[in-house]
C-alpha atoms as a PDB file:
ATOM      1  CA  MET A   1      13.111  14.429  28.583  1.00  0.00           C
ATOM      2  CA  PRO A   2      11.783  11.823  26.093  1.00  0.00           C
ATOM      3  CA  SER A   3      12.496   8.188  26.794  1.00  0.00           C
ATOM      4  CA  PRO A   4      15.130   6.264  24.782  1.00  0.00           C
ATOM      5  CA  ALA A   5      12.379   4.128  23.305  1.00  0.00           C
ATOM      6  CA  ALA A   6      10.621   7.216  21.916  1.00  0.00           C
ATOM      7  CA  LEU A   7      13.815   8.569  20.342  1.00  0.00           C
ATOM      8  CA  THR A   8      14.917   5.382  18.642  1.00  0.00           C
ATOM      9  CA  TYR A   9      12.144   2.817  18.489  1.00  0.00           C
ATOM     10  CA  GLY A  10       9.366   5.333  17.930  1.00  0.00           C
ATOM     11  CA  PRO A  11      10.441   5.897  14.284  1.00  0.00           C
ATOM     12  CA  ILE A  12      11.254   2.211  13.949  1.00  0.00           C
ATOM     13  CA  PHE A  13       7.747   1.260  15.096  1.00  0.00           C
ATOM     14  CA  VAL A  14       6.119   3.651  12.615  1.00  0.00           C
ATOM     15  CA  GLY A  15       8.346   2.386   9.813  1.00  0.00           C
ATOM     16  CA  VAL A  16       7.524  -1.241  10.582  1.00  0.00           C
ATOM     17  CA  VAL A  17       3.791  -0.452  10.559  1.00  0.00           C
ATOM     18  CA  PHE A  18       4.083   1.097   7.088  1.00  0.00           C
ATOM     19  CA  ASN A  19       6.196  -1.856   6.021  1.00  0.00           C
ATOM     20  CA  ILE A  20       3.521  -4.353   7.065  1.00  0.00           C
ATOM     21  CA  LEU A  21       0.740  -2.345   5.408  1.00  0.00           C
ATOM     22  CA  LEU A  22       2.633  -2.284   2.119  1.00  0.00           C
ATOM     23  CA  TYR A  23       3.376  -5.980   2.512  1.00  0.00           C
ATOM     24  CA  GLY A  24      -0.373  -6.631   2.627  1.00  0.00           C
ATOM     25  CA  ILE A  25      -0.743  -4.779  -0.681  1.00  0.00           C
ATOM     26  CA  MET A  26       2.139  -6.814  -2.063  1.00  0.00           C
ATOM     27  CA  ILE A  27       0.346 -10.040  -1.126  1.00  0.00           C
ATOM     28  CA  THR A  28      -2.745  -8.904  -3.029  1.00  0.00           C
ATOM     29  CA  GLN A  29      -0.772  -7.878  -6.095  1.00  0.00           C
ATOM     30  CA  THR A  30       1.183 -11.127  -6.144  1.00  0.00           C
ATOM     31  CA  PHE A  31      -2.034 -13.148  -5.924  1.00  0.00           C
ATOM     32  CA  LEU A  32      -3.555 -11.161  -8.789  1.00  0.00           C
ATOM     33  CA  TYR A  33      -0.456 -11.637 -10.910  1.00  0.00           C
ATOM     34  CA  PHE A  34      -0.346 -15.423 -10.575  1.00  0.00           C
ATOM     35  CA  THR A  35      -4.123 -15.621 -11.071  1.00  0.00           C
ATOM     36  CA  VAL A  36      -4.403 -13.423 -14.159  1.00  0.00           C
ATOM     37  CA  TYR A  37      -1.083 -13.762 -15.976  1.00  0.00           C
ATOM     38  CA  LYS A  38      -0.717 -17.520 -16.150  1.00  0.00           C
ATOM     39  CA  LYS A  39       0.929 -17.407 -19.585  1.00  0.00           C
ATOM     40  CA  ASP A  40       3.838 -15.167 -18.663  1.00  0.00           C
ATOM     41  CA  ARG A  41       7.295 -16.603 -19.072  1.00  0.00           C
ATOM     42  CA  LEU A  42       8.599 -18.918 -16.397  1.00  0.00           C
ATOM     43  CA  TRP A  43      11.555 -16.673 -15.567  1.00  0.00           C
ATOM     44  CA  MET A  44       9.220 -13.754 -14.903  1.00  0.00           C
ATOM     45  CA  LYS A  45       7.068 -15.846 -12.569  1.00  0.00           C
ATOM     46  CA  LEU A  46      10.187 -16.994 -10.723  1.00  0.00           C
ATOM     47  CA  PHE A  47      11.364 -13.394 -10.506  1.00  0.00           C
ATOM     48  CA  VAL A  48       8.085 -12.308  -8.919  1.00  0.00           C
ATOM     49  CA  ALA A  49       8.226 -15.275  -6.532  1.00  0.00           C
ATOM     50  CA  ILE A  50      11.782 -14.363  -5.468  1.00  0.00           C
ATOM     51  CA  LEU A  51      10.756 -10.784  -4.777  1.00  0.00           C
ATOM     52  CA  PHE A  52       7.793 -11.962  -2.736  1.00  0.00           C
ATOM     53  CA  ILE A  53      10.012 -14.291  -0.685  1.00  0.00           C
ATOM     54  CA  CYS A  54      12.502 -11.461  -0.070  1.00  0.00           C
ATOM     55  CA  ASP A  55       9.659  -9.185   1.013  1.00  0.00           C
ATOM     56  CA  THR A  56       8.355 -11.851   3.390  1.00  0.00           C
ATOM     57  CA  VAL A  57      11.775 -12.426   4.958  1.00  0.00           C
ATOM     58  CA  ASN A  58      12.355  -8.690   5.296  1.00  0.00           C
ATOM     59  CA  CYS A  59       8.981  -8.216   6.974  1.00  0.00           C
ATOM     60  CA  ALA A  60       9.672 -11.078   9.391  1.00  0.00           C
ATOM     61  CA  PHE A  61      13.074  -9.626  10.308  1.00  0.00           C
ATOM     62  CA  ASP A  62      11.559  -6.176  10.886  1.00  0.00           C
ATOM     63  CA  ILE A  63       8.999  -7.608  13.304  1.00  0.00           C
ATOM     64  CA  THR A  64      11.718  -9.628  15.039  1.00  0.00           C
ATOM     65  CA  PHE A  65      14.094  -6.755  15.714  1.00  0.00           C
ATOM     66  CA  LEU A  66      11.149  -4.740  17.021  1.00  0.00           C
ATOM     67  CA  TYR A  67      10.040  -7.595  19.264  1.00  0.00           C
ATOM     68  CA  ILE A  68      13.431  -8.345  20.857  1.00  0.00           C
ATOM     69  CA  PRO A  69      14.080  -5.027  22.660  1.00  0.00           C
ATOM     70  CA  LEU A  70      10.450  -4.088  23.351  1.00  0.00           C
ATOM     71  CA  VAL A  71       9.286  -7.496  24.637  1.00  0.00           C
ATOM     72  CA  ASN A  72      12.186  -9.782  25.420  1.00  0.00           C
ATOM     73  CA  ASN A  73      14.282  -6.985  26.956  1.00  0.00           C
ATOM     74  CA  PHE A  74      11.412  -4.985  28.404  1.00  0.00           C
ATOM     75  CA  GLY A  75      12.600  -2.785  31.272  1.00  0.00           C
ATOM     76  CA  ASN A  76      16.211  -2.790  30.061  1.00  0.00           C
ATOM     77  CA  PRO A  77      16.901   0.716  28.671  1.00  0.00           C
ATOM     78  CA  SER A  78      20.390  -0.192  27.505  1.00  0.00           C
ATOM     79  CA  SER A  79      18.980  -2.673  24.978  1.00  0.00           C
ATOM     80  CA  LEU A  80      17.232   0.232  23.245  1.00  0.00           C
ATOM     81  CA  MET A  81      20.535   1.893  22.402  1.00  0.00           C
ATOM     82  CA  TYR A  82      21.976  -0.926  20.273  1.00  0.00           C
ATOM     83  CA  ALA A  83      20.973  -2.521  16.994  1.00  0.00           C
ATOM     84  CA  THR A  84      20.886  -6.303  16.874  1.00  0.00           C
ATOM     85  CA  TRP A  85      22.109  -8.480  14.007  1.00  0.00           C
ATOM     86  CA  VAL A  86      18.503  -8.782  12.855  1.00  0.00           C
ATOM     87  CA  PHE A  87      18.336  -5.031  12.360  1.00  0.00           C
ATOM     88  CA  ALA A  88      21.565  -5.196  10.359  1.00  0.00           C
ATOM     89  CA  THR A  89      19.837  -7.378   7.743  1.00  0.00           C
ATOM     90  CA  ASP A  90      17.421  -4.616   6.743  1.00  0.00           C
ATOM     91  CA  PRO A  91      19.806  -2.479   4.620  1.00  0.00           C
ATOM     92  CA  VAL A  92      21.077  -5.402   2.552  1.00  0.00           C
ATOM     93  CA  MET A  93      17.577  -6.811   2.061  1.00  0.00           C
ATOM     94  CA  THR A  94      16.262  -3.426   0.965  1.00  0.00           C
ATOM     95  CA  ALA A  95      19.202  -2.931  -1.379  1.00  0.00           C
ATOM     96  CA  LEU A  96      18.760  -6.424  -2.825  1.00  0.00           C
ATOM     97  CA  ILE A  97      15.058  -5.900  -3.535  1.00  0.00           C
ATOM     98  CA  GLY A  98      15.703  -2.433  -4.966  1.00  0.00           C
ATOM     99  CA  SER A  99      18.514  -3.590  -7.248  1.00  0.00           C
ATOM    100  CA  LEU A 100      16.459  -6.520  -8.570  1.00  0.00           C
ATOM    101  CA  THR A 101      13.563  -4.193  -9.347  1.00  0.00           C
ATOM    102  CA  GLN A 102      15.834  -1.678 -11.069  1.00  0.00           C
ATOM    103  CA  CYS A 103      17.470  -4.422 -13.132  1.00  0.00           C
ATOM    104  CA  PHE A 104      14.022  -5.528 -14.306  1.00  0.00           C
ATOM    105  CA  PHE A 105      13.201  -2.002 -15.424  1.00  0.00           C
ATOM    106  CA  ALA A 106      16.624  -1.788 -17.082  1.00  0.00           C
ATOM    107  CA  TRP A 107      15.649  -4.886 -19.098  1.00  0.00           C
ATOM    108  CA  ARG A 108      12.401  -3.188 -20.068  1.00  0.00           C
ATOM    109  CA  VAL A 109      14.286  -0.073 -21.156  1.00  0.00           C
ATOM    110  CA  ASN A 110      16.493  -2.285 -23.316  1.00  0.00           C
ATOM    111  CA  VAL A 111      13.491  -4.017 -24.918  1.00  0.00           C
ATOM    112  CA  LEU A 112      11.725  -0.766 -25.702  1.00  0.00           C
ATOM    113  CA  THR A 113      14.451   1.754 -26.460  1.00  0.00           C
ATOM    114  CA  HIS A 114      17.436  -0.450 -27.369  1.00  0.00           C
ATOM    115  CA  SER A 115      19.576   2.167 -25.662  1.00  0.00           C
ATOM    116  CA  ILE A 116      22.665   0.328 -24.447  1.00  0.00           C
ATOM    117  CA  PRO A 117      24.159   3.375 -22.634  1.00  0.00           C
ATOM    118  CA  ALA A 118      20.943   3.861 -20.638  1.00  0.00           C
ATOM    119  CA  VAL A 119      20.832   0.178 -19.694  1.00  0.00           C
ATOM    120  CA  ILE A 120      24.481   0.182 -18.634  1.00  0.00           C
ATOM    121  CA  PHE A 121      24.006   3.326 -16.542  1.00  0.00           C
ATOM    122  CA  ILE A 122      20.909   1.989 -14.775  1.00  0.00           C
ATOM    123  CA  SER A 123      22.565  -1.370 -14.118  1.00  0.00           C
ATOM    124  CA  PHE A 124      25.673   0.358 -12.760  1.00  0.00           C
ATOM    125  CA  CYS A 125      23.577   2.452 -10.358  1.00  0.00           C
ATOM    126  CA  ALA A 126      21.666  -0.659  -9.246  1.00  0.00           C
ATOM    127  CA  LEU A 127      24.917  -2.498  -8.566  1.00  0.00           C
ATOM    128  CA  CYS A 128      26.351   0.459  -6.646  1.00  0.00           C
ATOM    129  CA  GLN A 129      23.263   0.799  -4.477  1.00  0.00           C
ATOM    130  CA  PHE A 130      23.357  -2.934  -3.679  1.00  0.00           C
ATOM    131  CA  CYS A 131      27.006  -2.643  -2.667  1.00  0.00           C
ATOM    132  CA  GLY A 132      26.105   0.395  -0.556  1.00  0.00           C
ATOM    133  CA  GLY A 133      23.320  -1.517   1.192  1.00  0.00           C
ATOM    134  CA  LEU A 134      25.630  -4.462   1.836  1.00  0.00           C
ATOM    135  CA  GLY A 135      28.269  -2.124   3.218  1.00  0.00           C
ATOM    136  CA  THR A 136      25.707  -0.444   5.459  1.00  0.00           C
ATOM    137  CA  SER A 137      24.695  -3.805   6.942  1.00  0.00           C
ATOM    138  CA  ILE A 138      28.341  -4.617   7.646  1.00  0.00           C
ATOM    139  CA  ALA A 139      28.853  -1.184   9.222  1.00  0.00           C
ATOM    140  CA  VAL A 140      25.785  -1.626  11.468  1.00  0.00           C
ATOM    141  CA  GLY A 141      27.264  -4.907  12.690  1.00  0.00           C
ATOM    142  CA  MET A 142      30.555  -3.162  13.470  1.00  0.00           C
ATOM    143  CA  ILE A 143      29.021  -0.011  15.020  1.00  0.00           C
ATOM    144  CA  PRO A 144      25.673  -1.087  16.550  1.00  0.00           C
ATOM    145  CA  GLU A 145      24.999   2.099  18.566  1.00  0.00           C
ATOM    146  CA  PHE A 146      22.178   4.088  16.981  1.00  0.00           C
ATOM    147  CA  VAL A 147      23.723   7.432  17.956  1.00  0.00           C
ATOM    148  CA  HIS A 148      26.918   6.545  16.092  1.00  0.00           C
ATOM    149  CA  PHE A 149      25.325   5.567  12.813  1.00  0.00           C
ATOM    150  CA  GLN A 150      26.503   8.783  11.171  1.00  0.00           C
ATOM    151  CA  LYS A 151      30.086   7.559  11.411  1.00  0.00           C
ATOM    152  CA  PHE A 152      29.494   5.480   8.291  1.00  0.00           C
ATOM    153  CA  GLU A 153      27.493   8.100   6.434  1.00  0.00           C
ATOM    154  CA  ILE A 154      29.615   7.727   3.280  1.00  0.00           C
ATOM    155  CA  ILE A 155      28.441   4.205   2.584  1.00  0.00           C
ATOM    156  CA  VAL A 156      24.826   5.214   3.315  1.00  0.00           C
ATOM    157  CA  ILE A 157      25.151   8.098   0.846  1.00  0.00           C
ATOM    158  CA  VAL A 158      26.386   5.662  -1.806  1.00  0.00           C
ATOM    159  CA  TRP A 159      23.441   3.349  -1.133  1.00  0.00           C
ATOM    160  CA  LEU A 160      20.588   5.860  -1.142  1.00  0.00           C
ATOM    161  CA  ALA A 161      22.007   8.312  -3.684  1.00  0.00           C
ATOM    162  CA  PHE A 162      22.579   5.672  -6.351  1.00  0.00           C
ATOM    163  CA  SER A 163      19.163   4.237  -5.597  1.00  0.00           C
ATOM    164  CA  ALA A 164      17.510   7.595  -6.293  1.00  0.00           C
ATOM    165  CA  VAL A 165      19.629   8.197  -9.398  1.00  0.00           C
ATOM    166  CA  ALA A 166      18.687   4.795 -10.834  1.00  0.00           C
ATOM    167  CA  ASP A 167      14.978   5.463 -10.275  1.00  0.00           C
ATOM    168  CA  CYS A 168      15.226   8.863 -11.956  1.00  0.00           C
ATOM    169  CA  ALA A 169      17.158   7.405 -14.895  1.00  0.00           C
ATOM    170  CA  ILE A 170      14.536   4.708 -15.427  1.00  0.00           C
ATOM    171  CA  THR A 171      11.727   7.247 -15.334  1.00  0.00           C
ATOM    172  CA  ILE A 172      13.456   9.661 -17.724  1.00  0.00           C
ATOM    173  CA  ALA A 173      14.338   6.935 -20.240  1.00  0.00           C
ATOM    174  CA  LEU A 174      10.838   5.499 -20.361  1.00  0.00           C
ATOM    175  CA  VAL A 175       9.008   8.843 -20.449  1.00  0.00           C
ATOM    176  CA  TRP A 176      11.311  10.160 -23.172  1.00  0.00           C
ATOM    177  CA  HIS A 177      10.653   7.092 -25.300  1.00  0.00           C
ATOM    178  CA  LEU A 178       6.902   7.320 -24.737  1.00  0.00           C
ATOM    179  CA  ARG A 179       6.621  10.974 -25.678  1.00  0.00           C
ATOM    180  CA  LYS A 180       8.760  10.430 -28.737  1.00  0.00           C
ATOM    181  CA  HIS A 181       6.537   7.645 -30.056  1.00  0.00           C
ATOM    182  CA  LYS A 182       3.082   9.178 -29.723  1.00  0.00           C
ATOM    183  CA  THR A 183       0.898   8.265 -32.681  1.00  0.00           C
ATOM    184  CA  GLY A 184      -1.268  11.354 -32.998  1.00  0.00           C
ATOM    185  CA  PHE A 185      -4.482   9.358 -32.526  1.00  0.00           C
ATOM    186  CA  ALA A 186      -6.528  10.523 -29.559  1.00  0.00           C
ATOM    187  CA  ALA A 187      -7.398   7.058 -28.253  1.00  0.00           C
ATOM    188  CA  THR A 188      -3.825   5.754 -28.413  1.00  0.00           C
ATOM    189  CA  ASP A 189      -2.280   8.951 -27.047  1.00  0.00           C
ATOM    190  CA  ASP A 190      -4.687   8.883 -24.121  1.00  0.00           C
ATOM    191  CA  ILE A 191      -3.416   5.422 -23.183  1.00  0.00           C
ATOM    192  CA  VAL A 192       0.189   6.557 -23.625  1.00  0.00           C
ATOM    193  CA  ASN A 193      -0.443   9.520 -21.323  1.00  0.00           C
ATOM    194  CA  ARG A 194      -1.846   7.188 -18.675  1.00  0.00           C
ATOM    195  CA  ILE A 195       1.273   5.042 -18.938  1.00  0.00           C
ATOM    196  CA  ILE A 196       3.462   8.120 -18.606  1.00  0.00           C
ATOM    197  CA  ARG A 197       1.638   9.166 -15.451  1.00  0.00           C
ATOM    198  CA  LEU A 198       2.047   5.687 -13.959  1.00  0.00           C
ATOM    199  CA  THR A 199       5.742   5.660 -14.849  1.00  0.00           C
ATOM    200  CA  VAL A 200       6.388   9.044 -13.284  1.00  0.00           C
ATOM    201  CA  GLN A 201       4.379   8.278 -10.163  1.00  0.00           C
ATOM    202  CA  THR A 202       6.022   4.935  -9.410  1.00  0.00           C
ATOM    203  CA  GLY A 203       9.510   6.208 -10.137  1.00  0.00           C
ATOM    204  CA  LEU A 204       8.952   9.431  -8.220  1.00  0.00           C
ATOM    205  CA  ILE A 205       7.715   7.666  -5.081  1.00  0.00           C
ATOM    206  CA  THR A 206      10.770   5.462  -4.684  1.00  0.00           C
ATOM    207  CA  ALA A 207      13.220   8.227  -5.620  1.00  0.00           C
ATOM    208  CA  MET A 208      11.671  10.761  -3.247  1.00  0.00           C
ATOM    209  CA  CYS A 209      11.535   8.239  -0.411  1.00  0.00           C
ATOM    210  CA  ALA A 210      15.239   7.467  -0.844  1.00  0.00           C
ATOM    211  CA  VAL A 211      16.146  11.173  -0.984  1.00  0.00           C
ATOM    212  CA  VAL A 212      14.114  12.032   2.139  1.00  0.00           C
ATOM    213  CA  ASP A 213      15.644   9.050   3.931  1.00  0.00           C
ATOM    214  CA  LEU A 214      19.147  10.266   3.070  1.00  0.00           C
ATOM    215  CA  VAL A 215      18.462  13.883   4.067  1.00  0.00           C
ATOM    216  CA  LEU A 216      17.013  12.912   7.437  1.00  0.00           C
ATOM    217  CA  PHE A 217      19.887  10.508   8.082  1.00  0.00           C
ATOM    218  CA  LEU A 218      22.423  13.275   7.511  1.00  0.00           C
ATOM    219  CA  ALA A 219      20.416  15.945   9.347  1.00  0.00           C
ATOM    220  CA  THR A 220      19.520  14.219  12.611  1.00  0.00           C
ATOM    221  CA  PRO A 221      20.857  11.252  14.617  1.00  0.00           C
ATOM    222  CA  SER A 222      17.461  10.548  16.206  1.00  0.00           C
ATOM    223  CA  GLY A 223      16.536   7.743  13.805  1.00  0.00           C
ATOM    224  CA  LEU A 224      13.712   9.669  12.138  1.00  0.00           C
ATOM    225  CA  HIS A 225      14.988   8.515   8.750  1.00  0.00           C
ATOM    226  CA  LEU A 226      13.917   4.963   9.608  1.00  0.00           C
ATOM    227  CA  VAL A 227      10.285   5.962   9.035  1.00  0.00           C
ATOM    228  CA  PHE A 228      11.153   6.189   5.327  1.00  0.00           C
ATOM    229  CA  ASN A 229      13.905   3.594   5.213  1.00  0.00           C
ATOM    230  CA  LEU A 230      12.001   0.556   6.482  1.00  0.00           C
ATOM    231  CA  PRO A 231       9.093   0.708   3.951  1.00  0.00           C
ATOM    232  CA  LEU A 232      11.447   1.416   1.017  1.00  0.00           C
ATOM    233  CA  SER A 233      11.733  -2.221  -0.066  1.00  0.00           C
ATOM    234  CA  LYS A 234       7.944  -2.602  -0.243  1.00  0.00           C
ATOM    235  CA  LEU A 235       7.661   0.535  -2.361  1.00  0.00           C
ATOM    236  CA  TYR A 236       9.993  -1.042  -4.920  1.00  0.00           C
ATOM    237  CA  THR A 237       8.110  -4.324  -5.119  1.00  0.00           C
ATOM    238  CA  ASN A 238       4.701  -2.650  -5.234  1.00  0.00           C
ATOM    239  CA  SER A 239       5.819  -0.336  -8.046  1.00  0.00           C
ATOM    240  CA  LEU A 240       6.994  -3.342 -10.034  1.00  0.00           C
ATOM    241  CA  MET A 241       3.836  -5.365  -9.411  1.00  0.00           C
ATOM    242  CA  SER A 242       1.564  -2.432 -10.240  1.00  0.00           C
ATOM    243  CA  SER A 243       3.237  -2.112 -13.638  1.00  0.00           C
ATOM    244  CA  LEU A 244       2.859  -5.835 -14.324  1.00  0.00           C
ATOM    245  CA  ASN A 245      -0.762  -6.016 -13.191  1.00  0.00           C
ATOM    246  CA  SER A 246      -1.781  -2.862 -15.054  1.00  0.00           C
ATOM    247  CA  ARG A 247      -1.669  -4.807 -18.320  1.00  0.00           C
ATOM    248  CA  ALA A 248      -5.142  -6.211 -17.634  1.00  0.00           C
ATOM    249  CA  GLY A 249      -6.544  -2.701 -17.242  1.00  0.00           C
ATOM    250  CA  TRP A 250      -5.359  -1.725 -20.703  1.00  0.00           C
ATOM    251  CA  LYS A 251      -6.365  -5.060 -22.256  1.00  0.00           C
ATOM    252  CA  TYR A 252      -2.790  -5.680 -23.168  1.00  0.00           C
ATOM    253  CA  GLY A 253      -1.944  -8.649 -25.360  1.00  0.00           C
ATOM    254  CA  THR A 254      -4.864 -11.062 -25.632  1.00  0.00           C
ATOM    255  CA  GLY A 255      -7.358  -8.802 -23.904  1.00  0.00           C
ATOM    256  CA  ASN A 256      -8.256 -11.358 -21.242  1.00  0.00           C
ATOM    257  CA  GLY A 257      -5.299 -10.775 -18.977  1.00  0.00           C
ATOM    258  CA  GLU A 258      -3.449 -13.886 -20.132  1.00  0.00           C
ATOM    259  CA  THR A 259      -0.497 -12.099 -21.615  1.00  0.00           C
ATOM    260  CA  THR A 260       2.812 -13.484 -22.710  1.00  0.00           C
ATOM    261  CA  THR A 261       6.106 -11.706 -22.511  1.00  0.00           C
ATOM    262  CA  ASP A 262       6.577 -12.332 -26.230  1.00  0.00           C
ATOM    263  CA  ASP A 263       3.512 -10.198 -26.883  1.00  0.00           C
ATOM    264  CA  MET A 264       4.901  -7.532 -24.596  1.00  0.00           C
ATOM    265  CA  THR A 265       8.204  -7.442 -26.439  1.00  0.00           C
ATOM    266  CA  ARG A 266       6.596  -7.168 -29.880  1.00  0.00           C
ATOM    267  CA  ASN A 267       3.906  -4.655 -29.077  1.00  0.00           C
ATOM    268  CA  ASP A 268       5.992  -2.447 -26.824  1.00  0.00           C
ATOM    269  CA  ARG A 269       8.207  -1.643 -29.791  1.00  0.00           C
ATOM    270  CA  LYS A 270       5.182  -0.176 -31.538  1.00  0.00           C
ATOM    271  CA  HIS A 271       3.349   1.641 -28.757  1.00  0.00           C
ATOM    272  CA  TYR A 272       5.265   1.684 -25.510  1.00  0.00           C
ATOM    273  CA  ASN A 273       3.938   0.729 -22.102  1.00  0.00           C
ATOM    274  CA  GLY A 274       6.179   2.603 -19.596  1.00  0.00           C
ATOM    275  CA  ARG A 275       6.311   0.605 -16.430  1.00  0.00           C
ATOM    276  CA  GLY A 276       3.289  -0.923 -18.505  1.00  0.00           C
ATOM    277  CA  GLU A 277       1.713  -1.747 -21.966  1.00  0.00           C
ATOM    278  CA  THR A 278      -0.428  -0.904 -25.054  1.00  0.00           C
ATOM    279  CA  SER A 279      -4.114  -1.383 -25.702  1.00  0.00           C
ATOM    280  CA  ARG A 280      -6.118  -3.034 -28.439  1.00  0.00           C
ATOM    281  CA  ARG A 281      -8.999  -0.616 -28.102  1.00  0.00           C
ATOM    282  CA  VAL A 282      -8.120   1.204 -31.328  1.00  0.00           C
ATOM    283  CA  SER A 283      -7.683  -2.018 -33.280  1.00  0.00           C
ATOM    284  CA  MET A 284     -10.970  -3.278 -31.864  1.00  0.00           C
ATOM    285  CA  MET A 285     -12.835  -0.186 -33.053  1.00  0.00           C
ATOM    286  CA  THR A 286     -11.327  -0.008 -36.519  1.00  0.00           C
ATOM    287  CA  PRO A 287     -12.551  -3.390 -37.851  1.00  0.00           C
ATOM    288  CA  ASN A 288     -16.114  -2.690 -36.666  1.00  0.00           C
ATOM    289  CA  GLN A 289     -16.197   0.641 -38.429  1.00  0.00           C
ATOM    290  CA  VAL A 290     -14.812  -0.799 -41.656  1.00  0.00           C
ATOM    291  CA  TYR A 291     -17.384  -3.588 -41.518  1.00  0.00           C
ATOM    292  CA  ILE A 292     -20.261  -1.126 -41.238  1.00  0.00           C
ATOM    293  CA  ASP A 293     -18.970   0.906 -44.183  1.00  0.00           C
ATOM    294  CA  VAL A 294     -18.632  -2.186 -46.340  1.00  0.00           C
ATOM    295  CA  GLU A 295     -22.145  -3.274 -45.440  1.00  0.00           C
ATOM    296  CA  SER A 296     -23.531   0.124 -46.418  1.00  0.00           C
ATOM    297  CA  HIS A 297     -21.807  -0.032 -49.795  1.00  0.00           C
ATOM    298  CA  GLU A 298     -23.126  -3.517 -50.394  1.00  0.00           C
ATOM    299  CA  MET A 299     -26.684  -2.392 -49.703  1.00  0.00           C
ATOM    300  CA  VAL A 300     -26.388   0.460 -52.185  1.00  0.00           C
ATOM    301  CA  ASP A 301     -24.949  -1.855 -54.798  1.00  0.00           C
ATOM    302  CA  VAL A 302     -27.833  -4.282 -54.405  1.00  0.00           C
ATOM    303  CA  ILE A 303     -30.460  -1.539 -54.789  1.00  0.00           C
ATOM    304  CA  ASP A 304     -28.718  -0.063 -57.805  1.00  0.00           C
ATOM    305  CA  THR A 305     -28.461  -3.477 -59.412  1.00  0.00           C
ATOM    306  CA  LYS A 306     -32.171  -4.171 -58.975  1.00  0.00           C
ATOM    307  CA  THR A 307     -33.113  -0.753 -60.379  1.00  0.00           C
ATOM    308  CA  LEU A 308     -30.820  -1.198 -63.339  1.00  0.00           C
ATOM    309  CA  ARG A 309     -32.299  -4.600 -64.122  1.00  0.00           C
ATOM    310  CA  ALA A 310     -35.872  -3.249 -63.932  1.00  0.00           C
ATOM    311  CA  GLU A 311     -35.098  -0.390 -66.283  1.00  0.00           C
ATOM    312  CA  THR A 312     -33.397  -2.730 -68.690  1.00  0.00           C
ATOM    313  CA  ALA A 313     -36.416  -5.002 -68.679  1.00  0.00           C
ATOM    314  CA  MET A 314     -38.778  -2.106 -69.375  1.00  0.00           C
ATOM    315  CA  ASP A 315     -36.693  -0.901 -72.262  1.00  0.00           C
ATOM    316  CA  SER A 316     -36.603  -4.373 -73.764  1.00  0.00           C
ATOM    317  CA  LEU A 317     -40.425  -4.598 -73.965  1.00  0.00           C
ATOM    318  CA  PRO A 318     -41.749  -4.081 -77.545  1.00  0.00           C
ATOM    319  CA  ASN A 319     -44.077  -1.164 -78.329  1.00  0.00           C
ATOM    320  CA  ARG A 320     -47.394  -2.742 -79.325  1.00  0.00           C
ATOM    321  CA  PRO A 321     -50.371  -0.776 -80.751  1.00  0.00           C
ATOM    322  CA  TYR A 322     -53.904  -1.072 -79.523  1.00  0.00           C
ATOM    323  CA  SER A 323     -55.524  -4.332 -80.329  1.00  0.00           C
ATOM    324  CA  GLU A 324     -59.268  -4.885 -80.174  1.00  0.00           C
ATOM    325  CA  LYS A 325     -58.755  -8.549 -79.978  1.00  0.00           C
ATOM    326  CA  HIS A 326     -56.307  -8.649 -77.159  1.00  0.00           C
ATOM    327  CA  GLY A 327     -57.584  -5.560 -75.315  1.00  0.00           C
ATOM    328  CA  ARG A 328     -54.097  -4.089 -75.027  1.00  0.00           C
ATOM    329  CA  LEU A 329     -53.063  -0.454 -75.242  1.00  0.00           C
ATOM    330  CA  SER A 330     -49.884   0.897 -76.658  1.00  0.00           C
ATOM    331  CA  ALA A 331     -47.923   3.522 -74.837  1.00  0.00           C
ATOM    332  CA  ALA A 332     -49.175   6.244 -77.218  1.00  0.00           C
ATOM    333  CA  ALA A 333     -52.834   5.211 -76.797  1.00  0.00           C
ATOM    334  CA  THR A 334     -52.478   5.256 -73.046  1.00  0.00           C
ATOM    335  CA  ALA A 335     -51.031   8.774 -73.169  1.00  0.00           C
ATOM    336  CA  ASP A 336     -53.912   9.958 -75.394  1.00  0.00           C
ATOM    337  CA  SER A 337     -56.554   8.519 -73.104  1.00  0.00           C
ATOM    338  CA  LEU A 338     -54.998  10.324 -70.143  1.00  0.00           C
END
């Protein structure tokens, strides 16, 4: 018979490991953002800083509730059967991070599509999933036994189901807008297709993780769903940061990575950047090509002008007969001698 630690804290340990790994990626992405995008709006920088702080607190709490039963209460099997108050903070922290990320993407949908119904629907789902996460934390505090977690399955369904629905709605709205506004130019459409792939991938990862978490929670009381539940908050923040940092890869805005949100708002209305942006590669190529064409025409004009002037000068010369004195030949005399 497997030990209680293997049944409950085995999945928790694996989930915490994935959580810490994704937190390391989040640290790198946050550093890149504040290094490259120094001209972004202040509110966006504060938003990223708040998400990073929430991720840090969540990671610290995850390590703490793993440390308490496995180290402080080592040799006490009964401590493995109950969730502490530190564990109860995980659902609300995950829901808070997820709702903030979804609200940011709802703002982006509003900037790009101006679809008020889509924004309202996404915001409603984000609010519902935050309320579900808050309710789950309260329920864990009231019913701390791991084997009895399914008694409050309704509130967990509200949390994870609305989370997945919001992610799918964001992905559908952005992809639909992107495909609708393709330009027909190969270079631009290639960039748009890359943005579509990034949008689908980031939205699909978070939605699928939430769905698998919900299915495993309803299917088994062993705690296997925690493998997917604990890293969920880091998936949200990494998807957001990857979309923000991808602007440098597409030379969005100024082309040197120092991009303002004003540029993003203006240019996204022309060629959309899904959970991302547009490129200046086409505009960079077009002026060079026009310059070369103009230079070619100028060269031809100069040659034609010189030729025309020479011919005009030849025609203006008078026809003089042969002169013994001056030793000159007329055109007719020259022809006869030949």
